[in-house]
Amino acid sequence: MIIVPVKEGENIERALKKFKRKFEKTGVVKELRARQAFRKPSENKREEYKKAVYVQKLQQKEE
């Protein structure tokens, strides 16, 4: 369960924004979308590899 403490006089929109951020970090929506359609393990590995290559290129550009 996600708990967002609201301080005295704090705007409700700000509290809602905090809740949305915490909810997004849990990855529930991402997992639901992933479960809607089956993907072969080889496809998952390929995607992970592509992501790793992409991140590595970004890190090399920063250096």
PDB file of N, CA and C in Angstrom:
ATOM      1  N   MET A   1       0.842  -1.168   0.000  1.00  0.00           N
ATOM      2  CA  MET A   1       0.000   0.000   0.000  1.00  0.00           C
ATOM      3  C   MET A   1       0.894   1.241   0.000  1.00  0.00           C
ATOM      4  N   ILE A   2       0.531   2.203  -0.812  1.00  0.00           N
ATOM      5  CA  ILE A   2       1.316   3.436  -0.918  1.00  0.00           C
ATOM      6  C   ILE A   2       0.739   4.468   0.047  1.00  0.00           C
ATOM      7  N   ILE A   3       1.607   5.024   0.869  1.00  0.00           N
ATOM      8  CA  ILE A   3       1.202   6.042   1.828  1.00  0.00           C
ATOM      9  C   ILE A   3       1.927   7.338   1.501  1.00  0.00           C
ATOM     10  N   VAL A   4       1.142   8.406   1.354  1.00  0.00           N
ATOM     11  CA  VAL A   4       1.714   9.720   1.073  1.00  0.00           C
ATOM     12  C   VAL A   4       1.323  10.653   2.205  1.00  0.00           C
ATOM     13  N   PRO A   5       2.286  11.003   3.060  1.00  0.00           N
ATOM     14  CA  PRO A   5       1.958  11.918   4.161  1.00  0.00           C
ATOM     15  C   PRO A   5       1.713  13.338   3.628  1.00  0.00           C
ATOM     16  N   VAL A   6       0.593  13.924   4.015  1.00  0.00           N
ATOM     17  CA  VAL A   6       0.246  15.280   3.588  1.00  0.00           C
ATOM     18  C   VAL A   6       0.472  16.212   4.760  1.00  0.00           C
ATOM     19  N   LYS A   7       1.306  17.217   4.551  1.00  0.00           N
ATOM     20  CA  LYS A   7       1.617  18.176   5.612  1.00  0.00           C
ATOM     21  C   LYS A   7       0.490  19.189   5.756  1.00  0.00           C
ATOM     22  N   GLU A   8       0.468  19.850   6.880  1.00  0.00           N
ATOM     23  CA  GLU A   8      -0.540  20.870   7.161  1.00  0.00           C
ATOM     24  C   GLU A   8      -0.445  21.990   6.126  1.00  0.00           C
ATOM     25  N   GLY A   9      -1.558  22.273   5.470  1.00  0.00           N
ATOM     26  CA  GLY A   9      -1.589  23.360   4.492  1.00  0.00           C
ATOM     27  C   GLY A   9      -0.990  23.011   3.139  1.00  0.00           C
ATOM     28  N   GLU A  10      -0.623  21.756   2.926  1.00  0.00           N
ATOM     29  CA  GLU A  10      -0.033  21.365   1.645  1.00  0.00           C
ATOM     30  C   GLU A  10      -1.134  21.206   0.594  1.00  0.00           C
ATOM     31  N   ASN A  11      -0.831  21.621  -0.607  1.00  0.00           N
ATOM     32  CA  ASN A  11      -1.780  21.559  -1.710  1.00  0.00           C
ATOM     33  C   ASN A  11      -2.083  20.099  -2.057  1.00  0.00           C
ATOM     34  N   ILE A  12      -3.361  19.807  -2.339  1.00  0.00           N
ATOM     35  CA  ILE A  12      -3.765  18.436  -2.647  1.00  0.00           C
ATOM     36  C   ILE A  12      -3.175  17.975  -3.984  1.00  0.00           C
ATOM     37  N   GLU A  13      -2.977  18.888  -4.923  1.00  0.00           N
ATOM     38  CA  GLU A  13      -2.375  18.534  -6.209  1.00  0.00           C
ATOM     39  C   GLU A  13      -0.945  18.048  -6.025  1.00  0.00           C
ATOM     40  N   ARG A  14      -0.235  18.676  -5.102  1.00  0.00           N
ATOM     41  CA  ARG A  14       1.149  18.276  -4.829  1.00  0.00           C
ATOM     42  C   ARG A  14       1.193  16.869  -4.230  1.00  0.00           C
ATOM     43  N   ALA A  15       0.249  16.577  -3.337  1.00  0.00           N
ATOM     44  CA  ALA A  15       0.179  15.243  -2.736  1.00  0.00           C
ATOM     45  C   ALA A  15      -0.172  14.202  -3.796  1.00  0.00           C
ATOM     46  N   LEU A  16      -1.066  14.549  -4.704  1.00  0.00           N
ATOM     47  CA  LEU A  16      -1.440  13.642  -5.780  1.00  0.00           C
ATOM     48  C   LEU A  16      -0.252  13.374  -6.694  1.00  0.00           C
ATOM     49  N   LYS A  17       0.543  14.399  -6.934  1.00  0.00           N
ATOM     50  CA  LYS A  17       1.744  14.251  -7.766  1.00  0.00           C
ATOM     51  C   LYS A  17       2.732  13.285  -7.107  1.00  0.00           C
ATOM     52  N   LYS A  18       2.907  13.405  -5.782  1.00  0.00           N
ATOM     53  CA  LYS A  18       3.784  12.494  -5.042  1.00  0.00           C
ATOM     54  C   LYS A  18       3.287  11.059  -5.145  1.00  0.00           C
ATOM     55  N   PHE A  19       1.954  10.894  -5.004  1.00  0.00           N
ATOM     56  CA  PHE A  19       1.361   9.564  -5.093  1.00  0.00           C
ATOM     57  C   PHE A  19       1.609   8.950  -6.462  1.00  0.00           C
ATOM     58  N   LYS A  20       1.390   9.730  -7.513  1.00  0.00           N
ATOM     59  CA  LYS A  20       1.591   9.226  -8.877  1.00  0.00           C
ATOM     60  C   LYS A  20       3.042   8.803  -9.091  1.00  0.00           C
ATOM     61  N   ARG A  21       3.986   9.590  -8.574  1.00  0.00           N
ATOM     62  CA  ARG A  21       5.404   9.262  -8.714  1.00  0.00           C
ATOM     63  C   ARG A  21       5.731   7.952  -8.014  1.00  0.00           C
ATOM     64  N   LYS A  22       5.234   7.797  -6.787  1.00  0.00           N
ATOM     65  CA  LYS A  22       5.486   6.566  -6.027  1.00  0.00           C
ATOM     66  C   LYS A  22       4.853   5.371  -6.722  1.00  0.00           C
ATOM     67  N   PHE A  23       3.646   5.550  -7.238  1.00  0.00           N
ATOM     68  CA  PHE A  23       2.939   4.468  -7.921  1.00  0.00           C
ATOM     69  C   PHE A  23       3.691   4.045  -9.177  1.00  0.00           C
ATOM     70  N   GLU A  24       4.218   5.005  -9.913  1.00  0.00           N
ATOM     71  CA  GLU A  24       4.967   4.707 -11.136  1.00  0.00           C
ATOM     72  C   GLU A  24       6.248   3.941 -10.813  1.00  0.00           C
ATOM     73  N   LYS A  25       6.885   4.254  -9.707  1.00  0.00           N
ATOM     74  CA  LYS A  25       8.115   3.573  -9.312  1.00  0.00           C
ATOM     75  C   LYS A  25       7.878   2.106  -8.953  1.00  0.00           C
ATOM     76  N   THR A  26       6.659   1.766  -8.526  1.00  0.00           N
ATOM     77  CA  THR A  26       6.375   0.377  -8.184  1.00  0.00           C
ATOM     78  C   THR A  26       6.379  -0.514  -9.419  1.00  0.00           C
ATOM     79  N   GLY A  27       6.063   0.041 -10.589  1.00  0.00           N
ATOM     80  CA  GLY A  27       6.102  -0.719 -11.836  1.00  0.00           C
ATOM     81  C   GLY A  27       4.884  -1.591 -12.078  1.00  0.00           C
ATOM     82  N   VAL A  28       3.786  -1.310 -11.404  1.00  0.00           N
ATOM     83  CA  VAL A  28       2.574  -2.117 -11.542  1.00  0.00           C
ATOM     84  C   VAL A  28       2.001  -2.007 -12.949  1.00  0.00           C
ATOM     85  N   VAL A  29       1.891  -0.798 -13.462  1.00  0.00           N
ATOM     86  CA  VAL A  29       1.307  -0.589 -14.791  1.00  0.00           C
ATOM     87  C   VAL A  29       2.184  -1.224 -15.859  1.00  0.00           C
ATOM     88  N   LYS A  30       3.478  -1.083 -15.708  1.00  0.00           N
ATOM     89  CA  LYS A  30       4.413  -1.666 -16.672  1.00  0.00           C
ATOM     90  C   LYS A  30       4.273  -3.193 -16.713  1.00  0.00           C
ATOM     91  N   GLU A  31       4.142  -3.786 -15.543  1.00  0.00           N
ATOM     92  CA  GLU A  31       3.986  -5.245 -15.464  1.00  0.00           C
ATOM     93  C   GLU A  31       2.661  -5.701 -16.072  1.00  0.00           C
ATOM     94  N   LEU A  32       1.592  -4.948 -15.821  1.00  0.00           N
ATOM     95  CA  LEU A  32       0.294  -5.289 -16.403  1.00  0.00           C
ATOM     96  C   LEU A  32       0.349  -5.283 -17.924  1.00  0.00           C
ATOM     97  N   ARG A  33       0.972  -4.270 -18.485  1.00  0.00           N
ATOM     98  CA  ARG A  33       1.087  -4.197 -19.948  1.00  0.00           C
ATOM     99  C   ARG A  33       1.926  -5.339 -20.489  1.00  0.00           C
ATOM    100  N   ALA A  34       2.962  -5.700 -19.766  1.00  0.00           N
ATOM    101  CA  ALA A  34       3.823  -6.792 -20.215  1.00  0.00           C
ATOM    102  C   ALA A  34       3.084  -8.128 -20.184  1.00  0.00           C
ATOM    103  N   ARG A  35       2.170  -8.294 -19.248  1.00  0.00           N
ATOM    104  CA  ARG A  35       1.447  -9.559 -19.108  1.00  0.00           C
ATOM    105  C   ARG A  35       0.290  -9.699 -20.095  1.00  0.00           C
ATOM    106  N   GLN A  36      -0.089  -8.631 -20.762  1.00  0.00           N
ATOM    107  CA  GLN A  36      -1.213  -8.695 -21.686  1.00  0.00           C
ATOM    108  C   GLN A  36      -0.906  -9.575 -22.893  1.00  0.00           C
ATOM    109  N   ALA A  37       0.343  -9.582 -23.318  1.00  0.00           N
ATOM    110  CA  ALA A  37       0.717 -10.395 -24.475  1.00  0.00           C
ATOM    111  C   ALA A  37       1.975 -11.179 -24.131  1.00  0.00           C
ATOM    112  N   PHE A  38       2.000 -12.433 -24.531  1.00  0.00           N
ATOM    113  CA  PHE A  38       3.152 -13.276 -24.248  1.00  0.00           C
ATOM    114  C   PHE A  38       4.301 -12.925 -25.172  1.00  0.00           C
ATOM    115  N   ARG A  39       5.495 -12.834 -24.611  1.00  0.00           N
ATOM    116  CA  ARG A  39       6.710 -12.627 -25.412  1.00  0.00           C
ATOM    117  C   ARG A  39       7.672 -13.750 -25.105  1.00  0.00           C
ATOM    118  N   LYS A  40       8.281 -14.257 -26.152  1.00  0.00           N
ATOM    119  CA  LYS A  40       9.229 -15.347 -25.972  1.00  0.00           C
ATOM    120  C   LYS A  40      10.432 -14.856 -25.165  1.00  0.00           C
ATOM    121  N   PRO A  41      11.051 -15.758 -24.398  1.00  0.00           N
ATOM    122  CA  PRO A  41      12.230 -15.364 -23.617  1.00  0.00           C
ATOM    123  C   PRO A  41      13.354 -14.818 -24.492  1.00  0.00           C
ATOM    124  N   SER A  42      13.483 -15.339 -25.709  1.00  0.00           N
ATOM    125  CA  SER A  42      14.533 -14.835 -26.598  1.00  0.00           C
ATOM    126  C   SER A  42      14.276 -13.379 -26.982  1.00  0.00           C
ATOM    127  N   GLU A  43      12.999 -13.011 -27.137  1.00  0.00           N
ATOM    128  CA  GLU A  43      12.665 -11.612 -27.446  1.00  0.00           C
ATOM    129  C   GLU A  43      13.003 -10.715 -26.263  1.00  0.00           C
ATOM    130  N   ASN A  44      12.727 -11.198 -25.070  1.00  0.00           N
ATOM    131  CA  ASN A  44      13.047 -10.411 -23.871  1.00  0.00           C
ATOM    132  C   ASN A  44      14.552 -10.191 -23.755  1.00  0.00           C
ATOM    133  N   LYS A  45      15.329 -11.253 -23.996  1.00  0.00           N
ATOM    134  CA  LYS A  45      16.787 -11.131 -23.933  1.00  0.00           C
ATOM    135  C   LYS A  45      17.291 -10.143 -24.969  1.00  0.00           C
ATOM    136  N   ARG A  46      16.723 -10.201 -26.162  1.00  0.00           N
ATOM    137  CA  ARG A  46      17.134  -9.300 -27.236  1.00  0.00           C
ATOM    138  C   ARG A  46      16.867  -7.849 -26.853  1.00  0.00           C
ATOM    139  N   GLU A  47      15.695  -7.581 -26.261  1.00  0.00           N
ATOM    140  CA  GLU A  47      15.360  -6.229 -25.819  1.00  0.00           C
ATOM    141  C   GLU A  47      16.310  -5.749 -24.723  1.00  0.00           C
ATOM    142  N   GLU A  48      16.620  -6.614 -23.776  1.00  0.00           N
ATOM    143  CA  GLU A  48      17.550  -6.249 -22.704  1.00  0.00           C
ATOM    144  C   GLU A  48      18.925  -5.925 -23.266  1.00  0.00           C
ATOM    145  N   TYR A  49      19.350  -6.721 -24.259  1.00  0.00           N
ATOM    146  CA  TYR A  49      20.658  -6.501 -24.881  1.00  0.00           C
ATOM    147  C   TYR A  49      20.676  -5.148 -25.597  1.00  0.00           C
ATOM    148  N   LYS A  50      19.615  -4.850 -26.342  1.00  0.00           N
ATOM    149  CA  LYS A  50      19.536  -3.569 -27.050  1.00  0.00           C
ATOM    150  C   LYS A  50      19.597  -2.399 -26.066  1.00  0.00           C
ATOM    151  N   LYS A  51      18.877  -2.543 -24.958  1.00  0.00           N
ATOM    152  CA  LYS A  51      18.849  -1.478 -23.959  1.00  0.00           C
ATOM    153  C   LYS A  51      20.227  -1.284 -23.339  1.00  0.00           C
ATOM    154  N   ALA A  52      20.920  -2.403 -23.064  1.00  0.00           N
ATOM    155  CA  ALA A  52      22.257  -2.326 -22.469  1.00  0.00           C
ATOM    156  C   ALA A  52      23.232  -1.646 -23.421  1.00  0.00           C
ATOM    157  N   VAL A  53      23.139  -1.965 -24.700  1.00  0.00           N
ATOM    158  CA  VAL A  53      24.020  -1.349 -25.698  1.00  0.00           C
ATOM    159  C   VAL A  53      23.744   0.148 -25.770  1.00  0.00           C
ATOM    160  N   TYR A  54      22.466   0.513 -25.771  1.00  0.00           N
ATOM    161  CA  TYR A  54      22.078   1.916 -25.846  1.00  0.00           C
ATOM    162  C   TYR A  54      22.609   2.704 -24.642  1.00  0.00           C
ATOM    163  N   VAL A  55      22.433   2.149 -23.448  1.00  0.00           N
ATOM    164  CA  VAL A  55      22.894   2.825 -22.230  1.00  0.00           C
ATOM    165  C   VAL A  55      24.417   2.953 -22.231  1.00  0.00           C
ATOM    166  N   GLN A  56      25.090   1.910 -22.693  1.00  0.00           N
ATOM    167  CA  GLN A  56      26.550   1.944 -22.730  1.00  0.00           C
ATOM    168  C   GLN A  56      27.038   3.031 -23.693  1.00  0.00           C
ATOM    169  N   LYS A  57      26.378   3.183 -24.830  1.00  0.00           N
ATOM    170  CA  LYS A  57      26.757   4.236 -25.779  1.00  0.00           C
ATOM    171  C   LYS A  57      26.555   5.608 -25.167  1.00  0.00           C
ATOM    172  N   LEU A  58      25.463   5.784 -24.441  1.00  0.00           N
ATOM    173  CA  LEU A  58      25.212   7.072 -23.781  1.00  0.00           C
ATOM    174  C   LEU A  58      26.295   7.383 -22.765  1.00  0.00           C
ATOM    175  N   GLN A  59      26.704   6.374 -21.997  1.00  0.00           N
ATOM    176  CA  GLN A  59      27.731   6.587 -20.987  1.00  0.00           C
ATOM    177  C   GLN A  59      29.075   6.925 -21.626  1.00  0.00           C
ATOM    178  N   GLN A  60      29.381   6.319 -22.757  1.00  0.00           N
ATOM    179  CA  GLN A  60      30.645   6.592 -23.437  1.00  0.00           C
ATOM    180  C   GLN A  60      30.663   8.015 -23.997  1.00  0.00           C
ATOM    181  N   LYS A  61      29.505   8.511 -24.458  1.00  0.00           N
ATOM    182  CA  LYS A  61      29.433   9.864 -24.979  1.00  0.00           C
ATOM    183  C   LYS A  61      29.667  10.899 -23.879  1.00  0.00           C
ATOM    184  N   GLU A  62      29.230  10.598 -22.662  1.00  0.00           N
ATOM    185  CA  GLU A  62      29.399  11.522 -21.535  1.00  0.00           C
ATOM    186  C   GLU A  62      30.862  11.654 -21.151  1.00  0.00           C
ATOM    187  N   GLU A  63      31.620  10.587 -21.309  1.00  0.00           N
ATOM    188  CA  GLU A  63      33.031  10.596 -20.906  1.00  0.00           C
ATOM    189  C   GLU A  63      33.826  11.321 -21.928  1.00  0.00           C
TER     190      GLU A  63
END
